[in-house]
Amino acid sequence: MKGLSKLLGRNCLAIVGLTLLSQSVATAQNQTGHFKWRRSNPICPPYQVPNCPIPSCPPVSPHDHGIASPTPDSNVPLSPSATPDDASPDAPTPDSTPAPVPAPVPENNAPQADPFANQPNFAQPQINNALANVGDTGFSGSRAPNMIGDFFGTAAGTHYEPLIVPIGAPSTSDFIYGNLAAAPGANVGRLKLAENVNPIPQDRFFVSYSYFEDVNILGGGADVHRITPGFEKTFMNGNASLEFRFPFADTVSSTYDTANGLRNATEFGNMSVWWKALLIQDCCWTVSAGSGMTLPTADDYVVLDGANGLRVENQAVHWLPFLATTYTPDDRWFMQTMLQFDVDVNGNPVSFGTAFPTSAGRAHDNAYMFVDLSVGYWVYKSRCCHNTIQGIAPVIEFHHNTALDNGDPIPALGLAAPGRTTVSNMVFGLNTKLQDGKSVTMGYVTPIGKDRQFDGELRLFFNWLL
């Protein structure tokens, strides 16, 4: 509880500090105009139609697209020198060529249509909801889709099994290896920042699906289907947001019976809460920062092995500070970077024995650092908001996940510290923007380093900007 109090105090100080910084920068903006926030006017003119207001999309009409001929206005009087009754000696000699007589215009009581209403809009301007139309507002973050991500968790390889001994030997002992401190919730996986997220605060609802092939977890290889619904809500005039993620998965059960072996179950993971603040944004750069917390909402890790049972209680809270940037040199290219740390604040209690449980201490997970890079290009952008597909952007990502310490040993169980691991993954994905702020993202993750959490991963995301 002492560690949790420190964490809450640290988060409160961080939130207050960033809030005061946001307010001071906003005051400086009002006085000098040096900084530009998401909801203020951009310092750069919008792409494609500089210095023009944002009109609505042209209506779709099945009628002729030809330009109507203008009709003469009968209310304009003729010049006195051009009247036929002018007999003044100073009047100019009229041209002998007769003036062309305009064709009679049939009387039409219908209102005159705008002659340019049905013409192709070759410079389609931005619609009011910039993020819904691929984000051409002149702001950098609004033109980049969400990062796809790569991560599964930190407890790969955690395993418990009884040793097989010859007849007549002493009673069966147990063998444990891996990162036991991270076992609760490890069957669902842990979510870091760079999982279907954008540096810019958004109002959205989302659902993320991940299929992990042959995950090295809790005693062997297993396929995991993880679904993470969630939502993000902005405040402070859109300059900050709160995000909630609720993961669950069809995965290996968190209760392991050595008599029956591994079995599958649908289990809830450790939910996470993220607070994000937009620090500064102009036509090329977006910088945001914030902090997240992983809360112990998953089941305990339990091993049933007669009198030699094992339990790891899920009590650990993780503190997740981060810094994120977006760079968009034009309305096609985009690049995003994210730097995040993961610190286990209070650890998980470990006990062994079934009838009379004995405490083995409190184990802390490794501290981690995550470095993420995403680069993409809009190969297609619709010029009309009536089209179902508004934009298509392939993307490539690199993710580097490394432990910063060795973790905690558990001497009572003869378990050494899990040691350091470094996991690197590449992601190849495709973002598709749809009408009304919706988007669909698909990506494939492949490991490229020596340490691997899985053989491959497929990711599918749906986002709906509100």
Protein backbone atom coordinates (compact mmCIF):
# COMPACT_ATOMS: atom_id res chain seq x y z
CA MET A 1 0.00 0.00 0.00
CA LYS A 2 2.91 2.32 0.68
CA GLY A 3 4.17 1.83 -2.87
CA LEU A 4 0.66 2.38 -4.25
CA SER A 5 0.38 5.63 -2.28
CA LYS A 6 3.68 6.78 -3.73
CA LEU A 7 2.44 5.91 -7.22
CA LEU A 8 -0.82 7.81 -6.79
CA GLY A 9 1.06 10.80 -5.39
CA ARG A 10 3.52 10.69 -8.27
CA ASN A 11 0.70 10.51 -10.82
CA CYS A 12 -1.14 13.39 -9.16
CA LEU A 13 2.01 15.54 -9.24
CA ALA A 14 2.58 14.65 -12.90
CA ILE A 15 -1.01 15.46 -13.84
CA VAL A 16 -0.98 18.76 -11.92
CA GLY A 17 2.37 19.70 -13.44
CA LEU A 18 1.31 18.98 -17.00
CA THR A 19 -2.02 20.73 -16.43
CA LEU A 20 -0.26 23.86 -15.15
CA LEU A 21 2.14 23.66 -18.09
CA SER A 22 -0.78 23.38 -20.51
CA GLN A 23 -2.50 26.38 -18.91
CA SER A 24 0.67 28.48 -18.96
CA VAL A 25 1.35 27.66 -22.59
CA ALA A 26 -2.28 28.45 -23.44
CA THR A 27 -1.87 31.84 -21.73
CA ALA A 28 1.31 32.45 -23.71
CA GLN A 29 -0.57 31.54 -26.86
CA ASN A 30 -3.29 34.09 -26.15
CA GLN A 31 -0.68 36.78 -25.52
CA THR A 32 1.91 36.04 -28.19
CA GLY A 33 0.39 33.47 -30.57
CA HIS A 34 3.66 31.46 -30.52
CA PHE A 35 2.02 28.15 -29.67
CA LYS A 36 -0.92 26.62 -31.48
CA TRP A 37 -3.25 24.14 -29.92
CA ARG A 38 -5.58 21.69 -31.59
CA ARG A 39 -8.72 23.82 -31.21
CA SER A 40 -7.14 27.12 -32.24
CA ASN A 41 -6.46 28.39 -35.74
CA PRO A 42 -3.42 26.72 -37.34
CA ILE A 43 -0.34 28.78 -37.99
CA CYS A 44 -0.11 27.16 -41.41
CA PRO A 45 -2.84 27.48 -44.06
CA PRO A 46 -4.72 24.28 -44.88
CA TYR A 47 -3.27 22.09 -47.58
CA GLN A 48 -4.68 22.21 -51.13
CA VAL A 49 -6.78 25.34 -50.58
CA PRO A 50 -4.58 27.86 -48.73
CA ASN A 51 -6.23 30.82 -47.05
CA CYS A 52 -9.73 29.65 -47.92
CA PRO A 53 -12.63 28.96 -45.55
CA ILE A 54 -13.86 25.41 -45.10
CA PRO A 55 -17.02 24.92 -47.19
CA SER A 56 -19.27 21.92 -47.17
CA CYS A 57 -19.01 19.16 -49.74
CA PRO A 58 -20.87 19.72 -53.04
CA PRO A 59 -24.21 17.91 -53.35
CA VAL A 60 -24.41 14.88 -55.55
CA SER A 61 -26.82 15.56 -58.45
CA PRO A 62 -27.86 13.26 -61.33
CA HIS A 63 -28.61 16.23 -63.62
CA ASP A 64 -26.56 17.64 -66.44
CA HIS A 65 -23.17 18.93 -65.40
CA GLY A 66 -23.06 21.62 -68.07
CA ILE A 67 -22.71 25.29 -67.12
CA ALA A 68 -25.94 27.23 -67.64
CA SER A 69 -25.80 30.21 -70.05
CA PRO A 70 -26.15 33.55 -68.31
CA THR A 71 -29.31 35.53 -69.13
CA PRO A 72 -29.33 39.27 -69.74
CA ASP A 73 -30.61 41.41 -66.92
CA SER A 74 -33.51 43.56 -68.16
CA ASN A 75 -33.18 45.86 -65.17
CA VAL A 76 -29.93 47.38 -66.43
CA PRO A 77 -30.76 50.53 -68.50
CA LEU A 78 -29.16 51.07 -71.86
CA SER A 79 -26.67 53.86 -72.33
CA PRO A 80 -28.27 57.05 -73.75
CA SER A 81 -25.70 57.16 -76.53
CA ALA A 82 -26.82 53.69 -77.64
CA THR A 83 -30.54 54.44 -77.97
CA PRO A 84 -31.95 54.56 -81.52
CA ASP A 85 -33.78 57.86 -80.82
CA ASP A 86 -30.57 59.73 -80.05
CA ALA A 87 -30.30 62.46 -82.69
CA SER A 88 -27.54 64.47 -81.07
CA PRO A 89 -24.90 65.71 -83.52
CA ASP A 90 -22.27 64.51 -81.11
CA ALA A 91 -23.58 60.97 -81.09
CA PRO A 92 -21.24 58.41 -82.70
CA THR A 93 -22.18 56.93 -86.02
CA PRO A 94 -23.75 53.53 -85.36
CA ASP A 95 -22.13 50.47 -86.80
CA SER A 96 -23.86 49.28 -89.93
CA THR A 97 -23.50 45.68 -88.75
CA PRO A 98 -26.67 44.72 -86.90
CA ALA A 99 -26.15 43.74 -83.28
CA PRO A 100 -26.79 40.08 -82.49
CA VAL A 101 -30.20 39.51 -81.07
CA PRO A 102 -30.18 37.12 -78.07
CA ALA A 103 -32.39 34.11 -78.38
CA PRO A 104 -35.60 34.38 -76.44
CA VAL A 105 -35.37 32.76 -73.06
CA PRO A 106 -38.43 30.71 -72.09
CA GLU A 107 -40.08 31.84 -68.92
CA ASN A 108 -39.17 29.59 -66.04
CA ASN A 109 -40.45 30.16 -62.55
CA ALA A 110 -38.05 27.58 -61.03
CA PRO A 111 -35.15 29.04 -59.05
CA GLN A 112 -31.93 29.45 -60.98
CA ALA A 113 -29.36 26.80 -60.03
CA ASP A 114 -25.79 27.68 -59.15
CA PRO A 115 -23.90 27.27 -62.48
CA PHE A 116 -20.93 25.69 -60.62
CA ALA A 117 -22.90 23.51 -58.21
CA ASN A 118 -22.42 20.27 -60.16
CA GLN A 119 -18.87 20.74 -61.38
CA PRO A 120 -16.08 18.35 -60.29
CA ASN A 121 -14.31 19.58 -57.18
CA PHE A 122 -10.66 19.12 -58.13
CA ALA A 123 -9.43 20.80 -54.96
CA GLN A 124 -11.67 19.21 -52.38
CA PRO A 125 -11.37 21.26 -49.20
CA GLN A 126 -11.35 19.85 -45.72
CA ILE A 127 -14.56 19.00 -43.91
CA ASN A 128 -15.19 20.29 -40.45
CA ASN A 129 -14.23 17.07 -38.70
CA ALA A 130 -10.67 16.96 -39.92
CA LEU A 131 -9.84 13.57 -38.47
CA ALA A 132 -12.80 12.02 -40.31
CA ASN A 133 -11.43 13.18 -43.68
CA VAL A 134 -7.84 12.03 -43.28
CA GLY A 135 -7.11 15.07 -41.17
CA ASP A 136 -6.13 17.82 -43.61
CA THR A 137 -6.38 20.69 -41.19
CA GLY A 138 -2.83 21.97 -41.25
CA PHE A 139 -2.14 20.35 -37.87
CA SER A 140 0.41 17.55 -37.83
CA GLY A 141 -1.20 14.98 -35.52
CA SER A 142 -4.52 15.10 -37.35
CA ARG A 143 -2.95 13.73 -40.55
CA ALA A 144 -1.45 10.57 -38.99
CA PRO A 145 -3.40 7.37 -38.22
CA ASN A 146 -3.00 5.42 -35.00
CA MET A 147 0.14 3.41 -34.37
CA ILE A 148 -0.49 -0.34 -34.66
CA GLY A 149 1.83 -1.75 -31.98
CA ASP A 150 3.37 -5.16 -31.33
CA PHE A 151 3.51 -6.20 -27.68
CA PHE A 152 2.19 -9.25 -25.84
CA GLY A 153 3.61 -9.22 -22.31
CA THR A 154 6.61 -9.64 -20.05
CA ALA A 155 6.05 -13.10 -18.53
CA ALA A 156 6.93 -15.26 -21.52
CA GLY A 157 8.29 -18.62 -20.43
CA THR A 158 6.85 -18.65 -16.90
CA HIS A 159 6.29 -22.31 -16.02
CA TYR A 160 5.69 -24.64 -13.08
CA GLU A 161 5.97 -28.40 -13.24
CA PRO A 162 6.77 -31.31 -10.89
CA LEU A 163 10.08 -33.01 -11.43
CA ILE A 164 9.95 -36.71 -12.39
CA VAL A 165 12.11 -38.70 -9.96
CA PRO A 166 13.02 -42.43 -9.82
CA ILE A 167 11.16 -44.87 -7.56
CA GLY A 168 12.49 -44.75 -4.03
CA ALA A 169 13.82 -41.24 -4.38
CA PRO A 170 12.67 -38.44 -2.08
CA SER A 171 9.24 -36.93 -2.60
CA THR A 172 8.53 -34.92 -5.70
CA SER A 173 9.93 -31.41 -5.77
CA ASP A 174 8.82 -28.62 -8.04
CA PHE A 175 10.57 -26.82 -10.85
CA ILE A 176 9.74 -23.22 -11.73
CA TYR A 177 11.32 -20.92 -14.26
CA GLY A 178 10.54 -17.63 -15.96
CA ASN A 179 9.20 -14.32 -14.69
CA LEU A 180 6.87 -15.48 -11.94
CA ALA A 181 6.27 -11.92 -10.69
CA ALA A 182 4.47 -11.09 -13.94
CA ALA A 183 2.40 -14.30 -14.09
CA PRO A 184 -1.00 -12.79 -13.09
CA GLY A 185 -2.58 -11.55 -16.29
CA ALA A 186 0.30 -12.88 -18.38
CA ASN A 187 -2.04 -15.25 -20.22
CA VAL A 188 -3.89 -12.21 -21.65
CA GLY A 189 -0.81 -10.04 -22.09
CA ARG A 190 0.09 -6.52 -21.12
CA LEU A 191 -0.81 -3.40 -23.08
CA LYS A 192 1.74 -0.66 -23.62
CA LEU A 193 1.03 2.82 -25.02
CA ALA A 194 1.77 2.10 -28.68
CA GLU A 195 -1.27 -0.14 -29.18
CA ASN A 196 -3.83 1.49 -31.49
CA VAL A 197 -3.11 5.01 -30.25
CA ASN A 198 -2.34 8.49 -31.58
CA PRO A 199 -0.27 11.21 -29.86
CA ILE A 200 -3.13 13.67 -30.35
CA PRO A 201 -6.06 13.47 -27.88
CA GLN A 202 -9.23 12.12 -29.48
CA ASP A 203 -12.87 11.40 -28.74
CA ARG A 204 -13.26 7.82 -29.92
CA PHE A 205 -14.54 4.32 -29.33
CA PHE A 206 -12.35 1.43 -30.45
CA VAL A 207 -12.04 -2.35 -30.56
CA SER A 208 -8.66 -4.05 -31.05
CA TYR A 209 -8.19 -7.71 -31.97
CA SER A 210 -4.88 -9.59 -31.85
CA TYR A 211 -4.12 -13.18 -32.77
CA PHE A 212 -0.81 -14.41 -31.32
CA GLU A 213 0.61 -17.62 -32.75
CA ASP A 214 2.52 -20.02 -30.48
CA VAL A 215 3.02 -17.75 -27.48
CA ASN A 216 5.69 -18.97 -25.06
CA ILE A 217 3.65 -18.62 -21.89
CA LEU A 218 2.69 -20.50 -18.70
CA GLY A 219 4.17 -23.83 -19.60
CA GLY A 220 4.25 -24.08 -23.37
CA GLY A 221 3.22 -22.73 -26.72
CA ALA A 222 -0.36 -21.52 -27.00
CA ASP A 223 -2.40 -19.51 -29.47
CA VAL A 224 -4.04 -16.46 -27.94
CA HIS A 225 -7.00 -14.46 -29.29
CA ARG A 226 -7.13 -11.12 -27.48
CA ILE A 227 -9.88 -8.49 -27.80
CA THR A 228 -9.50 -5.03 -26.26
CA PRO A 229 -12.47 -2.67 -26.35
CA GLY A 230 -12.05 0.81 -24.96
CA PHE A 231 -12.75 4.49 -25.32
CA GLU A 232 -10.97 7.84 -25.13
CA LYS A 233 -12.53 11.14 -24.01
CA THR A 234 -11.00 14.58 -24.36
CA PHE A 235 -11.20 17.52 -21.97
CA MET A 236 -9.45 20.89 -21.51
CA ASN A 237 -10.85 22.02 -24.88
CA GLY A 238 -9.47 18.92 -26.60
CA ASN A 239 -5.91 19.39 -25.34
CA ALA A 240 -5.95 16.35 -23.02
CA SER A 241 -7.72 13.01 -22.81
CA LEU A 242 -8.40 9.96 -20.65
CA GLU A 243 -8.31 6.50 -22.24
CA PHE A 244 -9.55 3.20 -20.81
CA ARG A 245 -8.68 -0.28 -22.15
CA PHE A 246 -10.39 -3.52 -21.07
CA PRO A 247 -8.55 -6.58 -22.47
CA PHE A 248 -9.83 -10.15 -22.40
CA ALA A 249 -8.72 -13.22 -24.32
CA ASP A 250 -9.32 -16.82 -25.25
CA THR A 251 -6.08 -18.15 -23.81
CA VAL A 252 -4.46 -20.52 -21.33
CA SER A 253 -6.26 -20.64 -18.00
CA SER A 254 -4.66 -18.80 -15.09
CA THR A 255 -5.38 -21.86 -12.90
CA TYR A 256 -3.00 -24.70 -13.76
CA ASP A 257 -3.75 -28.21 -12.51
CA THR A 258 -0.69 -30.43 -12.88
CA ALA A 259 -2.91 -33.51 -13.03
CA ASN A 260 -4.87 -32.26 -16.04
CA GLY A 261 -2.30 -30.06 -17.74
CA LEU A 262 -2.99 -26.80 -19.51
CA ARG A 263 -6.50 -25.89 -20.59
CA ASN A 264 -8.03 -22.93 -22.35
CA ALA A 265 -10.36 -20.35 -20.86
CA THR A 266 -11.75 -16.90 -21.57
CA GLU A 267 -10.15 -14.55 -19.07
CA PHE A 268 -10.10 -10.86 -18.30
CA GLY A 269 -6.72 -9.14 -18.25
CA ASN A 270 -5.24 -6.18 -16.41
CA MET A 271 -7.06 -3.03 -17.52
CA SER A 272 -5.13 0.18 -18.12
CA VAL A 273 -5.90 3.88 -17.82
CA TRP A 274 -4.00 6.53 -19.79
CA TRP A 275 -3.86 10.28 -19.29
CA LYS A 276 -2.50 12.24 -22.27
CA ALA A 277 -1.86 15.97 -22.74
CA LEU A 278 -1.08 17.84 -25.94
CA LEU A 279 1.94 20.03 -25.21
CA ILE A 280 2.56 21.77 -28.53
CA GLN A 281 1.37 21.39 -32.13
CA ASP A 282 1.93 23.19 -35.41
CA CYS A 283 1.70 22.29 -39.10
CA CYS A 284 4.57 19.78 -38.89
CA TRP A 285 5.04 18.65 -35.30
CA THR A 286 2.89 17.33 -32.48
CA VAL A 287 4.32 16.65 -29.01
CA SER A 288 2.31 15.07 -26.21
CA ALA A 289 3.12 13.47 -22.88
CA GLY A 290 1.30 11.71 -20.11
CA SER A 291 1.12 8.78 -17.77
CA GLY A 292 -0.68 5.47 -17.62
CA MET A 293 -1.48 2.88 -14.97
CA THR A 294 -2.04 -0.85 -15.28
CA LEU A 295 -4.52 -2.01 -12.64
CA PRO A 296 -4.64 -5.56 -11.17
CA THR A 297 -7.98 -6.73 -12.56
CA ALA A 298 -6.84 -10.15 -13.87
CA ASP A 299 -7.12 -13.40 -11.90
CA ASP A 300 -4.37 -14.68 -9.61
CA TYR A 301 -1.94 -17.23 -11.03
CA VAL A 302 -2.74 -20.51 -9.24
CA VAL A 303 -1.06 -23.92 -9.49
CA LEU A 304 -2.86 -26.97 -8.07
CA ASP A 305 -0.36 -29.71 -7.28
CA GLY A 306 -1.56 -31.51 -4.18
CA ALA A 307 0.19 -30.18 -1.12
CA ASN A 308 2.72 -28.29 -3.23
CA GLY A 309 0.36 -25.65 -4.60
CA LEU A 310 1.51 -22.21 -5.66
CA ARG A 311 -0.26 -18.85 -5.80
CA VAL A 312 0.83 -15.46 -7.14
CA GLU A 313 -1.68 -12.84 -6.05
CA ASN A 314 -2.45 -10.10 -8.54
CA GLN A 315 -1.78 -6.86 -6.66
CA ALA A 316 0.84 -5.09 -8.76
CA VAL A 317 0.17 -1.61 -10.13
CA HIS A 318 2.39 -0.46 -12.99
CA TRP A 319 3.30 3.17 -13.62
CA LEU A 320 3.63 4.01 -17.34
CA PRO A 321 5.03 7.49 -18.16
CA PHE A 322 5.50 8.35 -21.84
CA LEU A 323 6.43 10.96 -24.45
CA ALA A 324 5.02 10.86 -28.00
CA THR A 325 5.60 12.87 -31.18
CA THR A 326 4.20 13.10 -34.70
CA TYR A 327 5.93 14.62 -37.74
CA THR A 328 4.01 15.33 -40.97
CA PRO A 329 6.01 17.35 -43.52
CA ASP A 330 3.02 17.42 -45.90
CA ASP A 331 -0.48 15.97 -46.19
CA ARG A 332 0.82 12.56 -47.37
CA TRP A 333 3.84 11.50 -45.29
CA PHE A 334 3.66 10.93 -41.55
CA MET A 335 6.00 9.64 -38.84
CA GLN A 336 5.29 8.86 -35.19
CA THR A 337 7.62 8.08 -32.29
CA MET A 338 6.82 6.96 -28.76
CA LEU A 339 9.00 6.46 -25.70
CA GLN A 340 7.48 4.74 -22.67
CA PHE A 341 8.65 3.23 -19.39
CA ASP A 342 6.95 0.48 -17.35
CA VAL A 343 7.66 0.34 -13.60
CA ASP A 344 6.18 -2.26 -11.24
CA VAL A 345 5.42 -0.16 -8.15
CA ASN A 346 4.42 -2.67 -5.48
CA GLY A 347 4.94 -6.22 -6.82
CA ASN A 348 2.89 -9.39 -6.32
CA PRO A 349 2.83 -11.60 -3.18
CA VAL A 350 3.94 -15.21 -3.77
CA SER A 351 2.98 -18.13 -1.54
CA PHE A 352 3.33 -21.93 -1.74
CA GLY A 353 1.58 -24.84 -0.10
CA THR A 354 -2.09 -25.77 -0.21
CA ALA A 355 -3.20 -26.69 3.30
CA PHE A 356 -0.90 -24.24 5.07
CA PRO A 357 0.23 -21.54 2.58
CA THR A 358 3.67 -20.10 3.29
CA SER A 359 4.74 -16.70 2.07
CA ALA A 360 7.66 -16.65 -0.34
CA GLY A 361 7.90 -12.88 -0.39
CA ARG A 362 6.80 -10.19 -2.81
CA ALA A 363 8.25 -10.23 -6.30
CA HIS A 364 8.55 -7.25 -8.65
CA ASP A 365 8.45 -7.49 -12.42
CA ASN A 366 11.29 -6.08 -14.50
CA ALA A 367 11.28 -2.39 -15.34
CA TYR A 368 10.92 -1.94 -19.10
CA MET A 369 11.58 0.67 -21.75
CA PHE A 370 9.61 0.72 -25.02
CA VAL A 371 10.81 2.58 -28.12
CA ASP A 372 8.38 2.71 -31.06
CA LEU A 373 8.66 4.18 -34.57
CA SER A 374 6.01 4.30 -37.30
CA VAL A 375 6.31 5.69 -40.86
CA GLY A 376 3.55 5.77 -43.48
CA TYR A 377 2.22 7.46 -46.60
CA TRP A 378 -1.33 8.21 -47.81
CA VAL A 379 -1.35 6.56 -51.25
CA TYR A 380 -5.03 7.46 -51.75
CA LYS A 381 -7.07 10.37 -50.43
CA SER A 382 -10.66 10.97 -51.49
CA ARG A 383 -11.60 14.42 -52.80
CA CYS A 384 -15.23 14.09 -51.74
CA CYS A 385 -16.64 13.30 -48.33
CA HIS A 386 -19.47 11.22 -49.89
CA ASN A 387 -17.06 8.41 -50.80
CA THR A 388 -17.05 5.41 -48.49
CA ILE A 389 -13.25 5.12 -48.48
CA GLN A 390 -11.64 8.42 -47.56
CA GLY A 391 -7.99 7.36 -47.50
CA ILE A 392 -5.55 4.43 -47.66
CA ALA A 393 -2.12 4.49 -46.04
CA PRO A 394 0.38 1.61 -45.79
CA VAL A 395 2.66 1.79 -42.77
CA ILE A 396 5.82 0.14 -41.46
CA GLU A 397 6.76 0.10 -37.77
CA PHE A 398 9.73 -0.86 -35.62
CA HIS A 399 9.30 -1.68 -31.92
CA HIS A 400 12.11 -2.23 -29.41
CA ASN A 401 11.17 -3.54 -25.96
CA THR A 402 13.95 -4.01 -23.42
CA ALA A 403 14.19 -4.81 -19.71
CA LEU A 404 16.14 -2.30 -17.62
CA ASP A 405 16.90 -4.64 -14.69
CA ASN A 406 16.99 -8.33 -13.81
CA GLY A 407 13.77 -8.50 -11.81
CA ASP A 408 13.41 -10.02 -8.35
CA PRO A 409 14.57 -13.49 -7.28
CA ILE A 410 12.40 -15.64 -4.98
CA PRO A 411 14.88 -17.45 -2.71
CA ALA A 412 12.18 -19.38 -0.83
CA LEU A 413 11.35 -21.20 -4.06
CA GLY A 414 14.91 -21.39 -5.30
CA LEU A 415 13.94 -19.11 -8.16
CA ALA A 416 16.63 -16.81 -9.51
CA ALA A 417 15.95 -13.41 -11.02
CA PRO A 418 14.40 -13.78 -14.50
CA GLY A 419 17.15 -11.68 -16.09
CA ARG A 420 16.94 -9.17 -18.90
CA THR A 421 15.18 -9.71 -22.20
CA THR A 422 15.09 -7.62 -25.34
CA VAL A 423 12.30 -8.11 -27.85
CA SER A 424 12.28 -6.39 -31.26
CA ASN A 425 9.43 -6.63 -33.76
CA MET A 426 8.59 -5.28 -37.20
CA VAL A 427 5.03 -4.41 -38.23
CA PHE A 428 3.61 -4.11 -41.74
CA GLY A 429 0.15 -2.60 -41.83
CA LEU A 430 -2.56 -0.85 -43.81
CA ASN A 431 -4.81 1.96 -42.55
CA THR A 432 -8.16 2.63 -44.23
CA LYS A 433 -10.13 5.78 -43.40
CA LEU A 434 -13.90 5.53 -43.88
CA GLN A 435 -16.81 7.96 -43.74
CA ASP A 436 -18.03 9.61 -40.55
CA GLY A 437 -14.79 9.29 -38.63
CA LYS A 438 -14.51 5.51 -38.88
CA SER A 439 -11.31 3.65 -39.71
CA VAL A 440 -10.12 0.05 -40.07
CA THR A 441 -6.50 -1.01 -39.58
CA MET A 442 -4.79 -4.32 -40.31
CA GLY A 443 -1.22 -5.27 -39.45
CA TYR A 444 1.10 -8.25 -39.20
CA VAL A 445 3.84 -8.43 -36.55
CA THR A 446 6.98 -10.51 -37.02
CA PRO A 447 9.82 -10.90 -34.48
CA ILE A 448 13.30 -9.95 -35.65
CA GLY A 449 15.40 -10.39 -32.49
CA LYS A 450 16.80 -13.33 -30.56
CA ASP A 451 14.23 -13.09 -27.75
CA ARG A 452 10.73 -13.82 -29.01
CA GLN A 453 7.32 -13.75 -27.35
CA PHE A 454 5.49 -15.42 -30.26
CA ASP A 455 6.01 -16.68 -33.80
CA GLY A 456 3.72 -14.12 -35.44
CA GLU A 457 0.78 -11.85 -34.74
CA LEU A 458 -2.20 -10.54 -36.74
CA ARG A 459 -3.84 -7.28 -35.64
CA LEU A 460 -7.22 -5.80 -36.63
CA PHE A 461 -8.49 -2.46 -35.29
CA PHE A 462 -11.71 -0.52 -35.60
CA ASN A 463 -11.86 3.13 -34.51
CA TRP A 464 -14.82 5.48 -34.48
CA LEU A 465 -14.11 9.15 -33.85
CA LEU A 466 -17.01 10.78 -32.02
